[in-house]
Amino acid sequence: MQTQQAIDPADLIPVDLVADEYPHLFNHKQFSWLMRRRERNGLNHAIVKMGERRLFLSRHRFCEWLANQAEDDDKTA
């Protein structure tokens, strides 16, 4: 059984504000595409679900995901 790591509420941002927070990385349409495919691309690790519809992004876990994406790109290059 996996133990859950504590998440700092200050680390969370609603997913609908992520593109506004990181406009240098992607626009709303691009982030929406990433979210729809989060099970496949691993972004689901950075998503925290509260209730039925409220989704938040953990900034810390998002940074880890970005680092993993960069490592994957280095391996394929």
Protein backbone atom coordinates (compact mmCIF):
# COMPACT_ATOMS: atom_id res chain seq x y z
CA MET A 1 0.00 0.00 0.00
CA GLN A 2 1.34 3.42 -0.96
CA THR A 3 1.40 6.21 1.58
CA GLN A 4 0.18 9.60 0.47
CA GLN A 5 2.52 12.55 0.80
CA ALA A 6 1.10 15.63 2.48
CA ILE A 7 0.28 18.43 0.08
CA ASP A 8 0.63 22.06 1.08
CA PRO A 9 -2.55 23.95 0.12
CA ALA A 10 -0.38 26.92 -0.92
CA ASP A 11 1.15 24.60 -3.54
CA LEU A 12 -2.18 24.09 -5.31
CA ILE A 13 -3.64 26.09 -8.17
CA PRO A 14 -7.01 25.47 -9.87
CA VAL A 15 -6.39 23.83 -13.25
CA ASP A 16 -8.35 26.53 -15.07
CA LEU A 17 -5.72 29.08 -13.94
CA VAL A 18 -2.63 27.08 -14.87
CA ALA A 19 -2.22 28.50 -18.38
CA ASP A 20 -2.49 32.02 -16.92
CA GLU A 21 0.20 31.19 -14.36
CA TYR A 22 2.56 29.64 -16.93
CA PRO A 23 1.86 31.45 -20.22
CA HIS A 24 5.48 30.96 -21.29
CA LEU A 25 4.90 27.18 -21.32
CA PHE A 26 1.49 26.82 -22.99
CA ASN A 27 -1.81 28.50 -23.73
CA HIS A 28 -5.26 27.38 -22.50
CA LYS A 29 -5.86 25.10 -25.47
CA GLN A 30 -2.51 23.36 -25.09
CA PHE A 31 -2.98 22.80 -21.35
CA SER A 32 -6.50 21.53 -21.95
CA TRP A 33 -5.04 18.97 -24.38
CA LEU A 34 -2.49 17.90 -21.75
CA MET A 35 -5.25 17.55 -19.15
CA ARG A 36 -7.41 15.38 -21.42
CA ARG A 37 -4.45 13.04 -21.89
CA ARG A 38 -3.10 13.20 -18.33
CA GLU A 39 -3.48 9.46 -17.73
CA ARG A 40 -1.25 8.77 -20.74
CA ASN A 41 1.31 11.54 -20.30
CA GLY A 42 1.75 11.18 -16.53
CA LEU A 43 0.41 14.62 -15.65
CA ASN A 44 -2.24 12.94 -13.47
CA HIS A 45 0.47 12.62 -10.78
CA ALA A 46 0.40 16.42 -10.44
CA ILE A 47 -3.41 16.67 -10.28
CA VAL A 48 -5.28 16.74 -6.98
CA LYS A 49 -9.00 16.05 -7.16
CA MET A 50 -11.33 17.46 -4.51
CA GLY A 51 -14.90 16.36 -4.72
CA GLU A 52 -16.44 15.38 -8.02
CA ARG A 53 -15.29 18.23 -10.24
CA ARG A 54 -12.66 20.37 -8.52
CA LEU A 55 -9.20 19.78 -9.93
CA PHE A 56 -6.01 21.43 -8.76
CA LEU A 57 -2.44 21.29 -9.95
CA SER A 58 0.34 20.75 -7.43
CA ARG A 59 3.11 23.13 -8.49
CA HIS A 60 5.74 20.90 -6.88
CA ARG A 61 4.53 17.76 -8.65
CA PHE A 62 4.16 19.73 -11.89
CA CYS A 63 7.83 20.71 -11.69
CA GLU A 64 8.71 17.04 -11.20
CA TRP A 65 6.58 16.15 -14.24
CA LEU A 66 8.31 18.82 -16.34
CA ALA A 67 11.71 17.49 -15.29
CA ASN A 68 10.64 13.97 -16.29
CA GLN A 69 9.47 15.27 -19.67
CA ALA A 70 12.87 16.89 -20.22
CA GLU A 71 14.64 13.66 -19.24
CA ASP A 72 12.46 11.65 -21.64
CA ASP A 73 13.31 14.10 -24.44
CA ASP A 74 17.02 13.74 -23.67
CA LYS A 75 16.75 9.95 -23.90
CA THR A 76 15.08 10.06 -27.31
CA ALA A 77 17.47 12.62 -28.77
